[in-house]
């Protein structure tokens, strides 16, 4: 079972995750895409990464924006290494 990370460790990791913030015990970021089709394609790519990790985001899509929130339910809805790993993968494909 994943363990919650200390806040200072999460804060340090955010230095390598531009635009991500720690809010309400979760990592959050809003992505602005070109249009709805691009937003949907981005979400599909994220879905494949999430499935590969066995760790799934909470997200919201309106037209060309996608807001992603990461926390680990099995760790009391706190941030774990799984969340950081998924955030890094999301960053890699967000370009």
PDB file of N, CA and C in Angstrom:
ATOM      1  N   UNK A   1       0.843  -1.176   0.000  1.00  0.00           N
ATOM      2  CA  UNK A   1       0.000   0.000   0.000  1.00  0.00           C
ATOM      3  C   UNK A   1       0.892   1.245   0.000  1.00  0.00           C
ATOM      4  N   UNK A   2       0.596   2.213  -0.863  1.00  0.00           N
ATOM      5  CA  UNK A   2       1.412   3.426  -0.905  1.00  0.00           C
ATOM      6  C   UNK A   2       1.252   4.260   0.366  1.00  0.00           C
ATOM      7  N   UNK A   3       2.334   4.895   0.738  1.00  0.00           N
ATOM      8  CA  UNK A   3       2.345   5.728   1.942  1.00  0.00           C
ATOM      9  C   UNK A   3       2.287   7.208   1.565  1.00  0.00           C
ATOM     10  N   UNK A   4       1.562   8.018   2.325  1.00  0.00           N
ATOM     11  CA  UNK A   4       1.558   9.464   2.075  1.00  0.00           C
ATOM     12  C   UNK A   4       2.968  10.040   2.224  1.00  0.00           C
ATOM     13  N   UNK A   5       3.299  10.995   1.365  1.00  0.00           N
ATOM     14  CA  UNK A   5       4.605  11.637   1.437  1.00  0.00           C
ATOM     15  C   UNK A   5       4.528  12.866   2.336  1.00  0.00           C
ATOM     16  N   UNK A   6       5.618  13.173   3.038  1.00  0.00           N
ATOM     17  CA  UNK A   6       5.640  14.390   3.844  1.00  0.00           C
ATOM     18  C   UNK A   6       5.489  15.617   2.933  1.00  0.00           C
ATOM     19  N   UNK A   7       4.859  16.658   3.445  1.00  0.00           N
ATOM     20  CA  UNK A   7       4.589  17.866   2.653  1.00  0.00           C
ATOM     21  C   UNK A   7       5.867  18.467   2.082  1.00  0.00           C
ATOM     22  N   UNK A   8       6.966  18.449   2.842  1.00  0.00           N
ATOM     23  CA  UNK A   8       8.205  19.034   2.332  1.00  0.00           C
ATOM     24  C   UNK A   8       8.755  18.254   1.146  1.00  0.00           C
ATOM     25  N   UNK A   9       8.554  16.961   1.131  1.00  0.00           N
ATOM     26  CA  UNK A   9       9.004  16.137   0.002  1.00  0.00           C
ATOM     27  C   UNK A   9       8.149  16.422  -1.235  1.00  0.00           C
ATOM     28  N   UNK A  10       6.858  16.603  -1.046  1.00  0.00           N
ATOM     29  CA  UNK A  10       5.967  16.942  -2.159  1.00  0.00           C
ATOM     30  C   UNK A  10       6.330  18.317  -2.696  1.00  0.00           C
ATOM     31  N   UNK A  11       6.542  19.271  -1.804  1.00  0.00           N
ATOM     32  CA  UNK A  11       6.901  20.627  -2.219  1.00  0.00           C
ATOM     33  C   UNK A  11       8.199  20.626  -3.013  1.00  0.00           C
ATOM     34  N   UNK A  12       9.177  19.856  -2.583  1.00  0.00           N
ATOM     35  CA  UNK A  12      10.450  19.763  -3.307  1.00  0.00           C
ATOM     36  C   UNK A  12      10.237  19.164  -4.698  1.00  0.00           C
ATOM     37  N   UNK A  13       9.384  18.157  -4.795  1.00  0.00           N
ATOM     38  CA  UNK A  13       9.126  17.504  -6.086  1.00  0.00           C
ATOM     39  C   UNK A  13       8.421  18.444  -7.060  1.00  0.00           C
ATOM     40  N   UNK A  14       7.639  19.389  -6.536  1.00  0.00           N
ATOM     41  CA  UNK A  14       6.924  20.331  -7.399  1.00  0.00           C
ATOM     42  C   UNK A  14       7.871  21.217  -8.204  1.00  0.00           C
ATOM     43  N   UNK A  15       9.111  21.343  -7.765  1.00  0.00           N
ATOM     44  CA  UNK A  15      10.097  22.124  -8.513  1.00  0.00           C
ATOM     45  C   UNK A  15      10.316  21.545  -9.909  1.00  0.00           C
ATOM     46  N   UNK A  16      10.106  20.247 -10.060  1.00  0.00           N
ATOM     47  CA  UNK A  16      10.273  19.576 -11.350  1.00  0.00           C
ATOM     48  C   UNK A  16       8.950  19.368 -12.083  1.00  0.00           C
ATOM     49  N   UNK A  17       7.876  19.953 -11.557  1.00  0.00           N
ATOM     50  CA  UNK A  17       6.548  19.801 -12.153  1.00  0.00           C
ATOM     51  C   UNK A  17       5.931  21.190 -12.359  1.00  0.00           C
ATOM     52  N   UNK A  18       6.328  21.866 -13.435  1.00  0.00           N
ATOM     53  CA  UNK A  18       5.862  23.242 -13.636  1.00  0.00           C
ATOM     54  C   UNK A  18       4.343  23.349 -13.724  1.00  0.00           C
ATOM     55  N   UNK A  19       3.816  24.307 -12.968  1.00  0.00           N
ATOM     56  CA  UNK A  19       2.380  24.561 -12.997  1.00  0.00           C
ATOM     57  C   UNK A  19       1.558  23.721 -12.043  1.00  0.00           C
ATOM     58  N   UNK A  20       2.127  22.664 -11.508  1.00  0.00           N
ATOM     59  CA  UNK A  20       1.415  21.823 -10.542  1.00  0.00           C
ATOM     60  C   UNK A  20       1.465  22.506  -9.180  1.00  0.00           C
ATOM     61  N   UNK A  21       0.383  22.380  -8.422  1.00  0.00           N
ATOM     62  CA  UNK A  21       0.329  22.932  -7.071  1.00  0.00           C
ATOM     63  C   UNK A  21      -0.186  21.856  -6.120  1.00  0.00           C
ATOM     64  N   UNK A  22       0.163  22.014  -4.863  1.00  0.00           N
ATOM     65  CA  UNK A  22      -0.384  21.166  -3.809  1.00  0.00           C
ATOM     66  C   UNK A  22      -1.531  21.939  -3.185  1.00  0.00           C
ATOM     67  N   UNK A  23      -2.728  21.403  -3.325  1.00  0.00           N
ATOM     68  CA  UNK A  23      -3.925  22.070  -2.819  1.00  0.00           C
ATOM     69  C   UNK A  23      -4.884  21.030  -2.262  1.00  0.00           C
ATOM     70  N   UNK A  24      -5.315  21.209  -1.040  1.00  0.00           N
ATOM     71  CA  UNK A  24      -6.244  20.274  -0.393  1.00  0.00           C
ATOM     72  C   UNK A  24      -5.729  18.840  -0.453  1.00  0.00           C
ATOM     73  N   UNK A  25      -4.443  18.660  -0.132  1.00  0.00           N
ATOM     74  CA  UNK A  25      -3.810  17.328  -0.102  1.00  0.00           C
ATOM     75  C   UNK A  25      -3.813  16.618  -1.445  1.00  0.00           C
ATOM     76  N   UNK A  26      -3.780  17.384  -2.536  1.00  0.00           N
ATOM     77  CA  UNK A  26      -3.732  16.786  -3.870  1.00  0.00           C
ATOM     78  C   UNK A  26      -2.863  17.634  -4.784  1.00  0.00           C
ATOM     79  N   UNK A  27      -2.264  16.986  -5.786  1.00  0.00           N
ATOM     80  CA  UNK A  27      -1.559  17.710  -6.828  1.00  0.00           C
ATOM     81  C   UNK A  27      -2.579  18.131  -7.864  1.00  0.00           C
ATOM     82  N   UNK A  28      -2.516  19.394  -8.307  1.00  0.00           N
ATOM     83  CA  UNK A  28      -3.499  19.890  -9.265  1.00  0.00           C
ATOM     84  C   UNK A  28      -2.833  20.721 -10.347  1.00  0.00           C
ATOM     85  N   UNK A  29      -3.389  20.608 -11.553  1.00  0.00           N
ATOM     86  CA  UNK A  29      -2.948  21.445 -12.659  1.00  0.00           C
ATOM     87  C   UNK A  29      -4.053  21.511 -13.697  1.00  0.00           C
ATOM     88  N   UNK A  30      -4.188  22.680 -14.317  1.00  0.00           N
ATOM     89  CA  UNK A  30      -5.114  22.855 -15.425  1.00  0.00           C
ATOM     90  C   UNK A  30      -4.306  23.039 -16.696  1.00  0.00           C
ATOM     91  N   UNK A  31      -4.650  22.260 -17.706  1.00  0.00           N
ATOM     92  CA  UNK A  31      -3.986  22.307 -19.001  1.00  0.00           C
ATOM     93  C   UNK A  31      -4.910  22.959 -20.009  1.00  0.00           C
ATOM     94  N   UNK A  32      -4.399  23.931 -20.744  1.00  0.00           N
ATOM     95  CA  UNK A  32      -5.149  24.559 -21.832  1.00  0.00           C
ATOM     96  C   UNK A  32      -4.658  23.938 -23.142  1.00  0.00           C
ATOM     97  N   UNK A  33      -5.566  23.323 -23.862  1.00  0.00           N
ATOM     98  CA  UNK A  33      -5.222  22.671 -25.125  1.00  0.00           C
ATOM     99  C   UNK A  33      -5.706  23.529 -26.294  1.00  0.00           C
ATOM    100  N   UNK A  34      -5.428  23.119 -27.521  1.00  0.00           N
ATOM    101  CA  UNK A  34      -5.811  23.912 -28.696  1.00  0.00           C
ATOM    102  C   UNK A  34      -7.316  23.987 -28.895  1.00  0.00           C
ATOM    103  N   UNK A  35      -8.006  22.866 -28.670  1.00  0.00           N
ATOM    104  CA  UNK A  35      -9.447  22.787 -28.884  1.00  0.00           C
ATOM    105  C   UNK A  35      -9.948  21.526 -28.185  1.00  0.00           C
ATOM    106  N   UNK A  36     -11.239  21.241 -28.313  1.00  0.00           N
ATOM    107  CA  UNK A  36     -11.815  20.081 -27.637  1.00  0.00           C
ATOM    108  C   UNK A  36     -11.182  18.779 -28.110  1.00  0.00           C
ATOM    109  N   UNK A  37     -10.974  18.662 -29.403  1.00  0.00           N
ATOM    110  CA  UNK A  37     -10.392  17.428 -29.948  1.00  0.00           C
ATOM    111  C   UNK A  37      -8.997  17.180 -29.361  1.00  0.00           C
ATOM    112  N   UNK A  38      -8.192  18.233 -29.259  1.00  0.00           N
ATOM    113  CA  UNK A  38      -6.855  18.096 -28.679  1.00  0.00           C
ATOM    114  C   UNK A  38      -6.942  17.763 -27.186  1.00  0.00           C
ATOM    115  N   UNK A  39      -7.891  18.381 -26.479  1.00  0.00           N
ATOM    116  CA  UNK A  39      -8.076  18.076 -25.061  1.00  0.00           C
ATOM    117  C   UNK A  39      -8.446  16.611 -24.870  1.00  0.00           C
ATOM    118  N   UNK A  40      -9.326  16.113 -25.720  1.00  0.00           N
ATOM    119  CA  UNK A  40      -9.757  14.720 -25.615  1.00  0.00           C
ATOM    120  C   UNK A  40      -8.599  13.773 -25.935  1.00  0.00           C
ATOM    121  N   UNK A  41      -7.798  14.108 -26.946  1.00  0.00           N
ATOM    122  CA  UNK A  41      -6.631  13.284 -27.282  1.00  0.00           C
ATOM    123  C   UNK A  41      -5.637  13.263 -26.121  1.00  0.00           C
ATOM    124  N   UNK A  42      -5.441  14.419 -25.491  1.00  0.00           N
ATOM    125  CA  UNK A  42      -4.559  14.511 -24.325  1.00  0.00           C
ATOM    126  C   UNK A  42      -5.072  13.622 -23.200  1.00  0.00           C
ATOM    127  N   UNK A  43      -6.368  13.693 -22.930  1.00  0.00           N
ATOM    128  CA  UNK A  43      -6.958  12.859 -21.881  1.00  0.00           C
ATOM    129  C   UNK A  43      -6.784  11.370 -22.195  1.00  0.00           C
ATOM    130  N   UNK A  44      -6.900  11.016 -23.459  1.00  0.00           N
ATOM    131  CA  UNK A  44      -6.716   9.621 -23.852  1.00  0.00           C
ATOM    132  C   UNK A  44      -5.284   9.179 -23.586  1.00  0.00           C
ATOM    133  N   UNK A  45      -4.323  10.028 -23.935  1.00  0.00           N
ATOM    134  CA  UNK A  45      -2.920   9.690 -23.673  1.00  0.00           C
ATOM    135  C   UNK A  45      -2.661   9.558 -22.179  1.00  0.00           C
ATOM    136  N   UNK A  46      -3.235  10.456 -21.387  1.00  0.00           N
ATOM    137  CA  UNK A  46      -3.095  10.375 -19.929  1.00  0.00           C
ATOM    138  C   UNK A  46      -3.728   9.082 -19.413  1.00  0.00           C
ATOM    139  N   UNK A  47      -4.856   8.710 -19.974  1.00  0.00           N
ATOM    140  CA  UNK A  47      -5.539   7.483 -19.541  1.00  0.00           C
ATOM    141  C   UNK A  47      -4.648   6.260 -19.714  1.00  0.00           C
ATOM    142  N   UNK A  48      -3.919   6.198 -20.820  1.00  0.00           N
ATOM    143  CA  UNK A  48      -3.022   5.060 -21.042  1.00  0.00           C
ATOM    144  C   UNK A  48      -1.891   5.041 -20.017  1.00  0.00           C
ATOM    145  N   UNK A  49      -1.340   6.209 -19.694  1.00  0.00           N
ATOM    146  CA  UNK A  49      -0.283   6.281 -18.679  1.00  0.00           C
ATOM    147  C   UNK A  49      -0.828   5.901 -17.306  1.00  0.00           C
ATOM    148  N   UNK A  50      -2.009   6.396 -16.990  1.00  0.00           N
ATOM    149  CA  UNK A  50      -2.627   6.084 -15.698  1.00  0.00           C
ATOM    150  C   UNK A  50      -2.889   4.587 -15.575  1.00  0.00           C
ATOM    151  N   UNK A  51      -3.385   4.010 -16.631  1.00  0.00           N
ATOM    152  CA  UNK A  51      -3.670   2.568 -16.610  1.00  0.00           C
ATOM    153  C   UNK A  51      -2.390   1.758 -16.438  1.00  0.00           C
ATOM    154  N   UNK A  52      -1.311   2.199 -17.082  1.00  0.00           N
ATOM    155  CA  UNK A  52      -0.027   1.495 -16.961  1.00  0.00           C
ATOM    156  C   UNK A  52       0.476   1.511 -15.515  1.00  0.00           C
ATOM    157  N   UNK A  53       0.192   2.604 -14.806  1.00  0.00           N
ATOM    158  CA  UNK A  53       0.596   2.696 -13.395  1.00  0.00           C
ATOM    159  C   UNK A  53      -0.436   2.095 -12.450  1.00  0.00           C
ATOM    160  N   UNK A  54      -1.629   1.803 -12.966  1.00  0.00           N
ATOM    161  CA  UNK A  54      -2.701   1.328 -12.093  1.00  0.00           C
ATOM    162  C   UNK A  54      -3.132   2.412 -11.128  1.00  0.00           C
ATOM    163  N   UNK A  55      -3.063   3.666 -11.585  1.00  0.00           N
ATOM    164  CA  UNK A  55      -3.345   4.812 -10.721  1.00  0.00           C
ATOM    165  C   UNK A  55      -4.086   5.855 -11.556  1.00  0.00           C
ATOM    166  N   UNK A  56      -5.280   6.201 -11.171  1.00  0.00           N
ATOM    167  CA  UNK A  56      -6.160   6.981 -12.033  1.00  0.00           C
ATOM    168  C   UNK A  56      -6.484   8.346 -11.446  1.00  0.00           C
ATOM    169  N   UNK A  57      -6.456   9.377 -12.307  1.00  0.00           N
ATOM    170  CA  UNK A  57      -6.683  10.739 -11.824  1.00  0.00           C
ATOM    171  C   UNK A  57      -8.159  11.067 -11.659  1.00  0.00           C
ATOM    172  N   UNK A  58      -8.396  12.105 -10.906  1.00  0.00           N
ATOM    173  CA  UNK A  58      -9.692  12.784 -10.940  1.00  0.00           C
ATOM    174  C   UNK A  58      -9.475  13.920 -11.925  1.00  0.00           C
ATOM    175  N   UNK A  59     -10.430  14.103 -12.845  1.00  0.00           N
ATOM    176  CA  UNK A  59     -10.241  15.180 -13.814  1.00  0.00           C
ATOM    177  C   UNK A  59     -11.550  15.739 -14.288  1.00  0.00           C
ATOM    178  N   UNK A  60     -11.420  16.906 -14.913  1.00  0.00           N
ATOM    179  CA  UNK A  60     -12.594  17.618 -15.387  1.00  0.00           C
ATOM    180  C   UNK A  60     -12.214  18.265 -16.709  1.00  0.00           C
ATOM    181  N   UNK A  61     -13.092  18.148 -17.685  1.00  0.00           N
ATOM    182  CA  UNK A  61     -12.841  18.719 -19.003  1.00  0.00           C
ATOM    183  C   UNK A  61     -13.991  19.631 -19.397  1.00  0.00           C
ATOM    184  N   UNK A  62     -13.655  20.847 -19.807  1.00  0.00           N
ATOM    185  CA  UNK A  62     -14.610  21.760 -20.405  1.00  0.00           C
ATOM    186  C   UNK A  62     -13.942  22.321 -21.655  1.00  0.00           C
ATOM    187  N   UNK A  63     -14.537  22.028 -22.791  1.00  0.00           N
ATOM    188  CA  UNK A  63     -14.038  22.445 -24.095  1.00  0.00           C
ATOM    189  C   UNK A  63     -12.554  22.143 -24.222  1.00  0.00           C
ATOM    190  N   UNK A  64     -11.684  23.148 -24.141  1.00  0.00           N
ATOM    191  CA  UNK A  64     -10.261  22.892 -24.385  1.00  0.00           C
ATOM    192  C   UNK A  64      -9.412  22.876 -23.117  1.00  0.00           C
ATOM    193  N   UNK A  65     -10.037  22.869 -21.963  1.00  0.00           N
ATOM    194  CA  UNK A  65      -9.273  22.809 -20.714  1.00  0.00           C
ATOM    195  C   UNK A  65      -9.488  21.466 -20.023  1.00  0.00           C
ATOM    196  N   UNK A  66      -8.416  20.978 -19.449  1.00  0.00           N
ATOM    197  CA  UNK A  66      -8.446  19.734 -18.689  1.00  0.00           C
ATOM    198  C   UNK A  66      -7.806  20.022 -17.336  1.00  0.00           C
ATOM    199  N   UNK A  67      -8.554  19.832 -16.267  1.00  0.00           N
ATOM    200  CA  UNK A  67      -8.031  20.005 -14.914  1.00  0.00           C
ATOM    201  C   UNK A  67      -7.838  18.616 -14.315  1.00  0.00           C
ATOM    202  N   UNK A  68      -6.641  18.379 -13.835  1.00  0.00           N
ATOM    203  CA  UNK A  68      -6.283  17.068 -13.277  1.00  0.00           C
ATOM    204  C   UNK A  68      -5.937  17.231 -11.806  1.00  0.00           C
ATOM    205  N   UNK A  69      -6.441  16.302 -11.002  1.00  0.00           N
ATOM    206  CA  UNK A  69      -6.176  16.271  -9.569  1.00  0.00           C
ATOM    207  C   UNK A  69      -5.684  14.875  -9.219  1.00  0.00           C
ATOM    208  N   UNK A  70      -4.554  14.822  -8.535  1.00  0.00           N
ATOM    209  CA  UNK A  70      -3.948  13.540  -8.172  1.00  0.00           C
ATOM    210  C   UNK A  70      -3.796  13.408  -6.668  1.00  0.00           C
ATOM    211  N   UNK A  71      -4.341  12.342  -6.133  1.00  0.00           N
ATOM    212  CA  UNK A  71      -4.103  11.914  -4.755  1.00  0.00           C
ATOM    213  C   UNK A  71      -4.380  10.413  -4.743  1.00  0.00           C
ATOM    214  N   UNK A  72      -3.956   9.757  -3.694  1.00  0.00           N
ATOM    215  CA  UNK A  72      -4.073   8.302  -3.633  1.00  0.00           C
ATOM    216  C   UNK A  72      -5.142   7.919  -2.619  1.00  0.00           C
ATOM    217  N   UNK A  73      -6.227   7.340  -3.109  1.00  0.00           N
ATOM    218  CA  UNK A  73      -7.351   6.971  -2.242  1.00  0.00           C
ATOM    219  C   UNK A  73      -6.920   5.987  -1.158  1.00  0.00           C
ATOM    220  N   UNK A  74      -6.056   5.023  -1.526  1.00  0.00           N
ATOM    221  CA  UNK A  74      -5.610   4.007  -0.570  1.00  0.00           C
ATOM    222  C   UNK A  74      -4.687   4.572   0.513  1.00  0.00           C
ATOM    223  N   UNK A  75      -4.284   5.824   0.351  1.00  0.00           N
ATOM    224  CA  UNK A  75      -3.425   6.472   1.346  1.00  0.00           C
ATOM    225  C   UNK A  75      -4.168   7.630   2.005  1.00  0.00           C
ATOM    226  N   UNK A  76      -5.480   7.499   2.117  1.00  0.00           N
ATOM    227  CA  UNK A  76      -6.282   8.521   2.769  1.00  0.00           C
ATOM    228  C   UNK A  76      -6.425   9.786   1.952  1.00  0.00           C
ATOM    229  N   UNK A  77      -6.403   9.643   0.625  1.00  0.00           N
ATOM    230  CA  UNK A  77      -6.498  10.789  -0.293  1.00  0.00           C
ATOM    231  C   UNK A  77      -5.371  11.795  -0.075  1.00  0.00           C
ATOM    232  N   UNK A  78      -4.195  11.278   0.181  1.00  0.00           N
ATOM    233  CA  UNK A  78      -2.980  12.091   0.324  1.00  0.00           C
ATOM    234  C   UNK A  78      -2.092  11.840  -0.893  1.00  0.00           C
ATOM    235  N   UNK A  79      -1.068  12.667  -1.058  1.00  0.00           N
ATOM    236  CA  UNK A  79      -0.127  12.517  -2.170  1.00  0.00           C
ATOM    237  C   UNK A  79       0.899  11.448  -1.829  1.00  0.00           C
ATOM    238  N   UNK A  80       1.107  10.535  -2.782  1.00  0.00           N
ATOM    239  CA  UNK A  80       2.109   9.479  -2.649  1.00  0.00           C
ATOM    240  C   UNK A  80       3.041   9.540  -3.854  1.00  0.00           C
ATOM    241  N   UNK A  81       4.012   8.659  -3.865  1.00  0.00           N
ATOM    242  CA  UNK A  81       4.938   8.590  -4.994  1.00  0.00           C
ATOM    243  C   UNK A  81       4.204   8.274  -6.294  1.00  0.00           C
ATOM    244  N   UNK A  82       3.123   7.512  -6.218  1.00  0.00           N
ATOM    245  CA  UNK A  82       2.328   7.226  -7.416  1.00  0.00           C
ATOM    246  C   UNK A  82       1.816   8.507  -8.066  1.00  0.00           C
ATOM    247  N   UNK A  83       1.399   9.457  -7.264  1.00  0.00           N
ATOM    248  CA  UNK A  83       0.902  10.725  -7.797  1.00  0.00           C
ATOM    249  C   UNK A  83       2.015  11.506  -8.480  1.00  0.00           C
ATOM    250  N   UNK A  84       3.184  11.534  -7.849  1.00  0.00           N
ATOM    251  CA  UNK A  84       4.320  12.217  -8.470  1.00  0.00           C
ATOM    252  C   UNK A  84       4.723  11.537  -9.771  1.00  0.00           C
ATOM    253  N   UNK A  85       4.728  10.215  -9.774  1.00  0.00           N
ATOM    254  CA  UNK A  85       5.083   9.478 -10.993  1.00  0.00           C
ATOM    255  C   UNK A  85       4.103   9.773 -12.120  1.00  0.00           C
ATOM    256  N   UNK A  86       2.810   9.775 -11.807  1.00  0.00           N
ATOM    257  CA  UNK A  86       1.818  10.057 -12.840  1.00  0.00           C
ATOM    258  C   UNK A  86       1.920  11.504 -13.304  1.00  0.00           C
ATOM    259  N   UNK A  87       2.144  12.438 -12.401  1.00  0.00           N
ATOM    260  CA  UNK A  87       2.302  13.849 -12.782  1.00  0.00           C
ATOM    261  C   UNK A  87       3.492  14.003 -13.735  1.00  0.00           C
ATOM    262  N   UNK A  88       4.589  13.304 -13.469  1.00  0.00           N
ATOM    263  CA  UNK A  88       5.752  13.369 -14.353  1.00  0.00           C
ATOM    264  C   UNK A  88       5.427  12.812 -15.733  1.00  0.00           C
ATOM    265  N   UNK A  89       4.691  11.725 -15.782  1.00  0.00           N
ATOM    266  CA  UNK A  89       4.294  11.157 -17.072  1.00  0.00           C
ATOM    267  C   UNK A  89       3.360  12.111 -17.824  1.00  0.00           C
ATOM    268  N   UNK A  90       2.458  12.735 -17.093  1.00  0.00           N
ATOM    269  CA  UNK A  90       1.536  13.692 -17.713  1.00  0.00           C
ATOM    270  C   UNK A  90       2.324  14.863 -18.294  1.00  0.00           C
ATOM    271  N   UNK A  91       3.287  15.357 -17.552  1.00  0.00           N
ATOM    272  CA  UNK A  91       4.130  16.447 -18.058  1.00  0.00           C
ATOM    273  C   UNK A  91       4.848  16.037 -19.335  1.00  0.00           C
ATOM    274  N   UNK A  92       5.342  14.816 -19.380  1.00  0.00           N
ATOM    275  CA  UNK A  92       6.078  14.347 -20.541  1.00  0.00           C
ATOM    276  C   UNK A  92       5.226  14.314 -21.808  1.00  0.00           C
ATOM    277  N   UNK A  93       3.929  14.081 -21.653  1.00  0.00           N
ATOM    278  CA  UNK A  93       3.074  14.008 -22.844  1.00  0.00           C
ATOM    279  C   UNK A  93       2.284  15.291 -23.085  1.00  0.00           C
ATOM    280  N   UNK A  94       2.418  16.270 -22.205  1.00  0.00           N
ATOM    281  CA  UNK A  94       1.582  17.468 -22.330  1.00  0.00           C
ATOM    282  C   UNK A  94       2.087  18.443 -23.395  1.00  0.00           C
ATOM    283  N   UNK A  95       3.348  18.281 -23.792  1.00  0.00           N
ATOM    284  CA  UNK A  95       3.977  19.195 -24.737  1.00  0.00           C
ATOM    285  C   UNK A  95       3.225  19.503 -25.922  1.00  0.00           C
TER     286      UNK A  95
END
